N, C-alpha and C. Protein backbone atom coordinates (compact mmCIF):
# COMPACT_ATOMS: atom_id res chain seq x y z
N MET A 1 21.26 -25.92 -32.96
CA MET A 1 20.99 -26.43 -31.35
C MET A 1 20.48 -27.61 -31.96
N TYR A 2 20.15 -28.89 -31.04
CA TYR A 2 19.39 -29.76 -31.21
C TYR A 2 18.49 -29.44 -29.81
N SER A 3 16.94 -30.24 -30.36
CA SER A 3 16.13 -30.06 -29.22
C SER A 3 16.71 -31.36 -28.20
N LYS A 4 16.63 -31.50 -27.49
CA LYS A 4 16.58 -32.72 -26.79
C LYS A 4 15.90 -33.88 -27.35
N ASP A 5 14.48 -33.94 -27.79
CA ASP A 5 13.95 -34.89 -28.86
C ASP A 5 14.79 -35.32 -30.06
N GLU A 6 15.38 -33.99 -30.58
CA GLU A 6 16.08 -34.40 -32.20
C GLU A 6 17.69 -34.75 -31.78
N LEU A 7 18.22 -34.80 -30.40
CA LEU A 7 19.53 -35.18 -30.21
C LEU A 7 19.53 -36.62 -29.60
N LYS A 8 18.20 -36.93 -29.13
CA LYS A 8 18.25 -38.16 -28.97
C LYS A 8 17.65 -38.97 -30.26
N GLN A 9 16.83 -38.27 -31.11
CA GLN A 9 16.59 -39.37 -32.31
C GLN A 9 18.08 -39.41 -33.00
N LEU A 10 18.84 -38.43 -32.97
CA LEU A 10 20.13 -38.44 -33.91
C LEU A 10 21.31 -39.32 -33.59
N LYS A 11 21.13 -39.69 -32.08
CA LYS A 11 22.03 -40.60 -31.44
C LYS A 11 21.32 -41.74 -31.86
N ARG A 12 20.15 -42.34 -31.99
CA ARG A 12 19.47 -43.48 -32.22
C ARG A 12 19.82 -43.54 -33.95
N GLU A 13 19.78 -42.52 -34.76
CA GLU A 13 20.38 -43.07 -36.01
C GLU A 13 21.62 -43.66 -35.85
N PHE A 14 22.24 -42.48 -35.46
CA PHE A 14 23.92 -42.82 -35.36
C PHE A 14 24.06 -44.33 -34.96
N TRP A 15 23.76 -44.61 -33.83
CA TRP A 15 23.59 -46.19 -33.59
C TRP A 15 23.46 -47.38 -34.27
N GLU A 16 22.20 -47.14 -35.07
CA GLU A 16 21.52 -47.72 -35.94
C GLU A 16 21.93 -47.87 -37.00
N SER A 17 23.13 -46.66 -37.41
CA SER A 17 23.72 -46.60 -38.84
C SER A 17 25.23 -47.97 -38.71
N PHE A 18 25.62 -47.40 -37.31
CA PHE A 18 26.47 -48.02 -36.90
C PHE A 18 26.63 -49.46 -36.76
N ALA A 19 25.42 -50.21 -36.42
CA ALA A 19 25.22 -51.45 -36.56
C ALA A 19 24.77 -51.84 -37.85
N ALA A 20 24.32 -51.48 -38.78
CA ALA A 20 24.23 -51.80 -40.33
C ALA A 20 25.73 -51.74 -40.94
N PHE A 21 26.33 -51.18 -40.51
CA PHE A 21 28.06 -50.59 -40.81
C PHE A 21 28.48 -51.93 -40.43
N CYS A 22 28.37 -52.42 -39.17
CA CYS A 22 28.96 -53.21 -38.67
C CYS A 22 28.83 -54.89 -39.37
N GLU A 23 27.25 -54.72 -39.77
CA GLU A 23 27.26 -56.18 -40.09
C GLU A 23 27.71 -56.73 -41.69
N VAL A 24 27.97 -55.44 -42.12
CA VAL A 24 28.76 -55.46 -43.70
C VAL A 24 30.18 -55.73 -43.68
N GLN A 25 31.14 -55.60 -42.50
CA GLN A 25 32.68 -55.38 -42.31
C GLN A 25 32.70 -56.81 -42.41
N PRO A 26 33.81 -57.54 -43.45
CA PRO A 26 34.30 -58.86 -43.54
C PRO A 26 34.38 -59.59 -42.31
N GLU A 27 35.54 -58.73 -41.50
CA GLU A 27 35.75 -59.48 -40.12
C GLU A 27 34.76 -59.91 -39.24
N LEU A 28 33.47 -59.15 -39.46
CA LEU A 28 32.02 -59.17 -38.32
C LEU A 28 30.91 -60.12 -38.84
N ARG A 29 31.01 -60.02 -40.09
CA ARG A 29 29.92 -60.22 -40.73
C ARG A 29 29.68 -61.99 -39.93
N HIS A 30 30.42 -62.77 -39.83
CA HIS A 30 29.82 -64.28 -39.62
C HIS A 30 30.11 -64.69 -38.10
N ARG A 31 29.84 -63.40 -37.11
CA ARG A 31 29.89 -63.57 -36.17
C ARG A 31 28.48 -63.63 -35.55
N LYS A 32 28.26 -64.32 -34.40
CA LYS A 32 26.65 -64.69 -33.90
C LYS A 32 26.76 -63.38 -33.23
N LYS A 33 27.09 -62.72 -32.57
CA LYS A 33 27.15 -61.50 -31.53
C LYS A 33 27.99 -60.33 -32.36
N ILE A 34 27.95 -59.64 -32.35
CA ILE A 34 28.75 -58.81 -32.94
C ILE A 34 29.69 -58.10 -32.25
N TRP A 35 29.45 -57.94 -30.91
CA TRP A 35 30.31 -57.49 -30.18
C TRP A 35 30.01 -57.72 -28.59
N ILE A 36 31.31 -58.21 -27.79
CA ILE A 36 31.20 -58.65 -26.26
C ILE A 36 30.32 -57.69 -25.57
N LEU A 37 31.06 -56.46 -25.77
CA LEU A 37 30.59 -54.98 -24.56
C LEU A 37 30.77 -55.45 -23.22
N TYR A 38 29.03 -55.68 -22.60
CA TYR A 38 29.13 -55.92 -21.19
C TYR A 38 29.41 -57.78 -20.98
N ASN A 39 29.57 -58.45 -21.91
CA ASN A 39 29.48 -59.60 -21.40
C ASN A 39 30.74 -60.23 -21.86
N THR A 40 31.58 -59.73 -20.88
CA THR A 40 33.15 -59.74 -20.98
C THR A 40 33.84 -61.35 -20.28
N LYS A 41 32.60 -61.82 -19.16
CA LYS A 41 32.96 -62.91 -18.35
C LYS A 41 33.79 -62.18 -17.40
N VAL A 42 34.30 -60.97 -17.20
CA VAL A 42 35.00 -60.88 -16.19
C VAL A 42 34.61 -59.76 -15.17
N LYS A 43 34.63 -60.06 -14.32
CA LYS A 43 33.98 -59.05 -13.41
C LYS A 43 34.15 -57.91 -13.00
N GLY A 44 33.48 -56.75 -13.48
CA GLY A 44 34.13 -55.39 -13.35
C GLY A 44 34.78 -55.14 -14.44
N VAL A 45 34.50 -55.62 -15.61
CA VAL A 45 35.26 -55.34 -17.05
C VAL A 45 34.43 -55.24 -18.12
N GLU A 46 34.28 -54.28 -18.88
CA GLU A 46 33.33 -54.41 -19.99
C GLU A 46 34.12 -53.22 -21.11
N LEU A 47 33.57 -53.53 -22.51
CA LEU A 47 34.14 -52.86 -23.17
C LEU A 47 32.99 -51.86 -23.94
N LYS A 48 33.51 -51.15 -24.63
CA LYS A 48 32.49 -49.69 -24.63
C LYS A 48 32.92 -49.14 -25.77
N PHE A 49 31.97 -48.58 -26.19
CA PHE A 49 31.96 -47.52 -27.48
C PHE A 49 31.69 -45.97 -26.66
N ASP A 50 32.48 -45.28 -27.19
CA ASP A 50 31.69 -43.85 -27.00
C ASP A 50 31.51 -42.90 -28.24
N ALA A 51 30.85 -42.14 -28.41
CA ALA A 51 30.98 -41.05 -29.75
C ALA A 51 30.35 -40.10 -29.31
N THR A 52 31.33 -38.61 -28.99
CA THR A 52 31.16 -37.27 -28.66
C THR A 52 31.06 -36.25 -29.61
N ARG A 53 30.72 -35.06 -28.99
CA ARG A 53 30.93 -34.09 -30.11
C ARG A 53 32.57 -33.82 -29.92
N GLN A 54 33.23 -34.93 -29.16
CA GLN A 54 34.61 -34.34 -29.39
C GLN A 54 35.32 -35.41 -29.96
N GLY A 55 34.85 -36.87 -30.09
CA GLY A 55 35.35 -37.52 -30.95
C GLY A 55 35.13 -38.57 -31.03
N ALA A 56 35.61 -40.04 -31.07
CA ALA A 56 35.40 -41.65 -31.18
C ALA A 56 36.27 -41.94 -30.02
N TYR A 57 35.88 -42.75 -28.91
CA TYR A 57 36.64 -44.10 -28.29
C TYR A 57 35.90 -45.44 -28.20
N VAL A 58 36.87 -46.40 -28.02
CA VAL A 58 37.05 -47.62 -27.71
C VAL A 58 37.48 -47.81 -26.80
N ILE A 59 36.66 -48.34 -25.58
CA ILE A 59 37.28 -48.41 -24.05
C ILE A 59 37.24 -49.57 -23.57
N LEU A 60 38.01 -50.06 -23.00
CA LEU A 60 38.00 -51.30 -21.80
C LEU A 60 38.08 -50.28 -20.26
N GLU A 61 37.01 -50.79 -19.92
CA GLU A 61 36.66 -50.02 -18.59
C GLU A 61 36.74 -51.19 -17.64
N VAL A 62 37.40 -50.68 -16.22
CA VAL A 62 37.22 -51.48 -15.41
C VAL A 62 36.25 -50.73 -14.00
N ASN A 63 35.34 -51.17 -13.66
CA ASN A 63 34.42 -50.06 -13.12
C ASN A 63 34.20 -51.05 -12.13
N HIS A 64 34.76 -51.73 -10.99
CA HIS A 64 34.14 -52.85 -9.88
C HIS A 64 33.66 -51.34 -8.90
N ARG A 65 32.88 -51.68 -8.34
CA ARG A 65 32.66 -51.10 -6.82
C ARG A 65 33.38 -50.48 -6.00
N GLN A 66 34.20 -51.85 -5.44
CA GLN A 66 35.47 -51.51 -4.68
C GLN A 66 36.53 -50.98 -5.39
N GLU A 67 37.03 -49.52 -4.47
CA GLU A 67 38.07 -49.33 -5.00
C GLU A 67 39.31 -50.09 -4.95
N TYR A 68 39.54 -51.26 -4.33
CA TYR A 68 40.77 -52.16 -3.91
C TYR A 68 40.53 -53.18 -5.13
N GLU A 69 39.15 -53.56 -5.50
CA GLU A 69 39.25 -54.63 -6.46
C GLU A 69 39.47 -53.65 -8.17
N ARG A 70 39.13 -52.72 -8.05
CA ARG A 70 39.49 -51.87 -9.61
C ARG A 70 40.57 -51.61 -9.51
N LEU A 71 41.70 -51.54 -8.64
CA LEU A 71 42.99 -51.00 -8.60
C LEU A 71 43.68 -52.72 -8.68
N GLU A 72 43.17 -53.48 -7.99
CA GLU A 72 43.95 -54.57 -8.50
C GLU A 72 43.82 -55.11 -9.83
N MET A 73 42.32 -55.21 -10.39
CA MET A 73 42.41 -55.40 -11.96
C MET A 73 42.94 -54.54 -12.76
N TYR A 74 42.87 -53.58 -12.89
CA TYR A 74 43.87 -52.40 -13.18
C TYR A 74 45.65 -52.98 -13.37
N GLU A 75 45.82 -53.21 -11.85
CA GLU A 75 46.76 -54.06 -12.35
C GLU A 75 47.46 -55.05 -13.12
N LYS A 76 46.96 -56.16 -12.74
CA LYS A 76 46.66 -57.26 -13.36
C LYS A 76 46.79 -56.99 -15.01
N LEU A 77 45.63 -55.83 -15.60
CA LEU A 77 45.54 -55.56 -16.98
C LEU A 77 47.14 -54.99 -17.21
N THR A 78 47.65 -54.25 -16.80
CA THR A 78 49.24 -53.58 -17.07
C THR A 78 50.18 -54.91 -17.21
N TRP A 79 49.95 -56.29 -16.22
CA TRP A 79 50.77 -57.20 -16.69
C TRP A 79 50.85 -57.58 -18.04
N TYR A 80 49.52 -57.44 -18.53
CA TYR A 80 49.52 -58.02 -19.90
C TYR A 80 49.06 -56.88 -20.74
N LYS A 81 50.02 -55.49 -20.62
CA LYS A 81 49.87 -54.15 -21.61
C LYS A 81 50.65 -54.94 -23.23
N GLU A 82 51.68 -55.20 -22.67
CA GLU A 82 52.27 -55.67 -24.44
C GLU A 82 50.92 -56.61 -25.14
N LEU A 83 50.30 -57.71 -24.47
CA LEU A 83 49.27 -58.23 -25.42
C LEU A 83 48.19 -57.21 -25.73
N LEU A 84 47.73 -56.62 -24.76
CA LEU A 84 46.83 -55.58 -25.27
C LEU A 84 47.07 -54.53 -26.39
N GLU A 85 48.02 -53.86 -26.46
CA GLU A 85 48.49 -53.11 -27.14
C GLU A 85 49.13 -53.47 -28.36
N LYS A 86 49.08 -54.94 -28.53
CA LYS A 86 49.98 -55.65 -29.37
C LYS A 86 49.34 -54.75 -30.93
N ASP A 87 48.27 -54.71 -30.99
CA ASP A 87 47.40 -54.49 -32.46
C ASP A 87 47.70 -53.12 -32.71
N PHE A 88 48.30 -51.97 -31.78
CA PHE A 88 48.35 -50.60 -31.60
C PHE A 88 49.75 -50.19 -31.64
N PRO A 89 50.08 -49.74 -32.73
CA PRO A 89 51.58 -49.50 -32.81
C PRO A 89 51.73 -48.08 -31.67
N GLU A 90 50.86 -47.04 -32.11
CA GLU A 90 50.84 -45.99 -31.33
C GLU A 90 50.58 -46.20 -29.36
N GLY A 91 49.92 -47.57 -29.38
CA GLY A 91 50.20 -47.57 -27.76
C GLY A 91 48.02 -47.27 -27.41
N LEU A 92 47.63 -47.49 -26.39
CA LEU A 92 46.50 -47.13 -25.98
C LEU A 92 47.00 -46.34 -24.94
N ILE A 93 45.80 -45.45 -24.17
CA ILE A 93 45.68 -44.33 -23.17
C ILE A 93 45.51 -45.15 -21.89
N TRP A 94 46.07 -45.31 -21.08
CA TRP A 94 45.64 -46.15 -19.62
C TRP A 94 45.49 -44.62 -18.37
N ASP A 95 43.93 -44.70 -18.16
CA ASP A 95 43.85 -43.78 -17.04
C ASP A 95 43.07 -44.61 -15.45
N LEU A 96 44.30 -44.58 -14.97
CA LEU A 96 43.76 -45.17 -13.49
C LEU A 96 42.69 -44.55 -13.05
N CYS A 97 42.39 -43.18 -13.30
CA CYS A 97 41.32 -42.35 -12.42
C CYS A 97 40.68 -41.61 -13.30
N TYR A 98 39.72 -42.46 -13.99
CA TYR A 98 38.51 -41.47 -14.86
C TYR A 98 37.54 -41.08 -14.39
N ILE A 99 36.95 -40.11 -14.19
CA ILE A 99 35.67 -39.81 -13.41
C ILE A 99 34.82 -39.80 -14.38
N ARG A 100 33.50 -40.52 -14.50
CA ARG A 100 32.50 -40.25 -15.91
C ARG A 100 31.47 -38.85 -15.11
N ASP A 101 30.60 -39.01 -16.68
CA ASP A 101 29.87 -37.83 -16.14
C ASP A 101 28.81 -37.70 -14.82
N THR A 102 28.62 -39.06 -14.38
CA THR A 102 27.98 -39.42 -13.52
C THR A 102 28.71 -39.23 -12.03
N GLY A 103 29.92 -38.97 -11.73
CA GLY A 103 30.97 -38.88 -10.81
C GLY A 103 31.67 -40.19 -10.23
N LYS A 104 31.30 -41.40 -10.88
CA LYS A 104 31.37 -42.21 -10.57
C LYS A 104 33.16 -42.73 -10.94
N GLN A 105 33.97 -43.33 -10.72
CA GLN A 105 35.14 -43.48 -10.67
C GLN A 105 35.55 -44.32 -11.26
N VAL A 106 36.08 -44.70 -12.25
CA VAL A 106 36.76 -45.91 -13.02
C VAL A 106 38.21 -45.95 -13.47
N ALA A 107 38.30 -46.74 -14.08
CA ALA A 107 39.71 -47.07 -14.78
C ALA A 107 39.36 -47.38 -15.79
N ARG A 108 40.20 -46.71 -17.19
CA ARG A 108 39.83 -46.90 -18.43
C ARG A 108 41.22 -47.31 -19.43
N ILE A 109 41.19 -47.92 -20.37
CA ILE A 109 42.27 -48.27 -21.00
C ILE A 109 41.41 -47.76 -22.28
N TYR A 110 42.13 -47.26 -23.19
CA TYR A 110 41.23 -47.28 -24.35
C TYR A 110 41.98 -46.44 -25.75
N LYS A 111 41.28 -45.76 -26.78
CA LYS A 111 41.93 -45.51 -28.28
C LYS A 111 40.88 -44.72 -28.48
N ALA A 112 41.79 -43.10 -28.81
CA ALA A 112 40.39 -42.28 -28.99
C ALA A 112 40.96 -41.92 -30.71
N LYS A 113 39.82 -41.29 -31.28
CA LYS A 113 40.43 -40.68 -32.13
C LYS A 113 39.48 -39.22 -32.03
N GLU A 114 40.22 -38.13 -31.79
CA GLU A 114 39.53 -36.64 -31.60
C GLU A 114 39.50 -35.88 -32.71
N GLY A 115 38.77 -34.94 -32.62
CA GLY A 115 38.47 -34.02 -34.06
C GLY A 115 37.01 -34.28 -34.45
N LEU A 116 35.99 -35.08 -34.28
CA LEU A 116 35.44 -35.88 -35.02
C LEU A 116 33.96 -35.21 -34.00
N ASP A 117 32.75 -34.98 -34.96
CA ASP A 117 31.77 -34.56 -33.71
C ASP A 117 30.63 -35.10 -34.62
N ILE A 118 29.78 -36.22 -33.23
CA ILE A 118 29.02 -36.79 -33.61
C ILE A 118 27.61 -36.05 -34.06
N HIS A 119 27.33 -35.02 -33.96
CA HIS A 119 26.22 -33.84 -34.65
C HIS A 119 26.34 -33.67 -35.87
N ARG A 120 27.83 -34.00 -36.30
CA ARG A 120 28.07 -34.01 -37.86
C ARG A 120 27.70 -35.14 -39.10
N ARG A 121 26.88 -35.12 -39.55
CA ARG A 121 26.67 -36.62 -40.11
C ARG A 121 27.71 -36.98 -41.16
N GLN A 122 28.40 -36.01 -41.33
CA GLN A 122 29.48 -35.91 -43.00
C GLN A 122 30.70 -36.93 -41.77
N ASP A 123 30.82 -36.78 -40.71
CA ASP A 123 31.57 -37.44 -39.60
C ASP A 123 31.60 -39.03 -39.74
N TRP A 124 30.44 -39.31 -39.67
CA TRP A 124 29.71 -40.38 -39.23
C TRP A 124 30.55 -41.80 -39.42
N GLY A 125 31.03 -41.69 -41.11
CA GLY A 125 31.96 -42.53 -41.72
C GLY A 125 33.30 -43.01 -41.11
N ALA A 126 33.86 -41.76 -40.69
CA ALA A 126 35.07 -41.79 -39.92
C ALA A 126 34.95 -42.69 -38.69
N PHE A 127 33.90 -42.32 -38.15
CA PHE A 127 33.39 -43.24 -36.74
C PHE A 127 33.21 -44.28 -36.69
N PHE A 128 32.70 -44.67 -37.77
CA PHE A 128 32.01 -46.10 -37.71
C PHE A 128 33.49 -46.94 -38.16
N THR A 129 34.47 -46.20 -38.91
CA THR A 129 35.64 -47.30 -39.62
C THR A 129 36.59 -47.38 -38.30
N PHE A 130 36.87 -46.01 -37.52
CA PHE A 130 37.92 -46.18 -36.14
C PHE A 130 37.17 -47.28 -35.47
N MET A 131 35.65 -46.94 -35.13
CA MET A 131 35.04 -47.71 -33.74
C MET A 131 35.41 -49.20 -34.08
N ALA A 132 34.82 -49.70 -35.56
CA ALA A 132 34.75 -51.25 -35.91
C ALA A 132 36.10 -51.35 -35.72
N ARG A 133 36.84 -50.98 -36.34
CA ARG A 133 38.64 -51.71 -36.69
C ARG A 133 38.85 -51.68 -35.02
N ASN A 134 39.00 -50.27 -34.52
CA ASN A 134 39.68 -50.64 -33.21
C ASN A 134 39.13 -51.39 -32.41
N MET A 135 37.53 -51.44 -31.87
CA MET A 135 36.62 -52.52 -30.98
C MET A 135 37.43 -53.87 -31.48
N TYR A 136 37.41 -54.57 -32.65
CA TYR A 136 37.66 -55.49 -33.19
C TYR A 136 39.25 -55.74 -32.43
N LEU A 137 40.38 -55.19 -32.57
CA LEU A 137 41.55 -55.51 -32.45
C LEU A 137 41.48 -55.65 -30.66
N LEU A 138 40.98 -54.21 -29.99
CA LEU A 138 40.80 -54.61 -28.56
C LEU A 138 39.97 -55.56 -27.68
N GLU A 139 39.01 -55.92 -28.93
CA GLU A 139 38.30 -56.86 -28.22
C GLU A 139 38.87 -58.59 -28.30
N ARG A 140 39.76 -58.32 -29.54
CA ARG A 140 40.42 -59.50 -30.01
C ARG A 140 41.72 -60.07 -28.85
N ASN A 141 42.43 -58.76 -28.67
CA ASN A 141 43.47 -58.75 -27.54
C ASN A 141 43.05 -58.96 -26.24
N PHE A 142 41.77 -58.33 -25.68
CA PHE A 142 41.62 -58.98 -24.13
C PHE A 142 41.04 -60.14 -24.27
N LEU A 143 40.55 -60.53 -25.53
CA LEU A 143 39.87 -62.21 -25.06
C LEU A 143 40.96 -63.12 -25.41
N SER A 144 42.31 -62.60 -25.83
CA SER A 144 43.55 -63.84 -25.26
C SER A 144 43.79 -63.17 -24.30
N ILE A 145 43.61 -62.45 -23.43
CA ILE A 145 44.01 -62.39 -21.70
C ILE A 145 42.78 -62.76 -20.96
N ALA A 146 41.70 -63.07 -21.24
CA ALA A 146 40.58 -62.81 -20.19
C ALA A 146 40.71 -63.61 -19.48
N ASP A 147 41.22 -64.99 -19.84
CA ASP A 147 41.13 -65.93 -18.61
C ASP A 147 42.12 -66.00 -17.63
N TYR A 148 43.25 -65.05 -17.74
CA TYR A 148 44.03 -64.98 -16.80
C TYR A 148 43.54 -63.88 -15.87
N LEU A 149 42.63 -62.88 -16.30
CA LEU A 149 42.49 -61.94 -15.43
C LEU A 149 40.95 -62.52 -14.44
N LYS A 150 40.47 -63.89 -14.93
CA LYS A 150 39.77 -64.55 -14.17
C LYS A 150 39.84 -65.22 -12.57
N GLU A 151 41.47 -65.18 -12.78
CA GLU A 151 41.56 -66.12 -11.63
C GLU A 151 42.15 -65.17 -10.61
C-alpha cells in the first residue's frame, strides 16, 4: 500500500509521463494546446481523463448545476449520437445519471478500458495509448457538433 504522499507522487508522475507521451504523438505534436478538456466553449460540458485502479476512461461530461439544463444538454447530445460514436465501432457508454465520488450527479458519455491499474507502472503504456487515442477521437467528434450545442 502507498502512503498518502506516495500516492500523490505516483499520480503526479503518471500525469507528467502522460503529458510527455502526448507531446511525441504524431497527431498531437503540432497542436498549440494538446487537449481542450475544460475549455469546450459549451456551457456545462467538459472532456476529462480518468485513470484509476479499475481502468482508463475518456469522458464527455455534462455537469450543469441545474438538472433540467443537464438533461436538456444530454438530450441534445443524443441527437448527435451517430456523429459522436463515428470512430468508435463498439460505441460509447451513455450514462444519464452518474454519481461522482463527491456525490454530485452528472451525465457522462465515455469510453473505458478496464483491467488496468494506475498503481502498476507496467500498465502505464496501455493507459497512455488508450487515453491519447480515444480522447483524440472523442474530442474531434465533439468539436464537429459543438456549434450546434451552443444554440
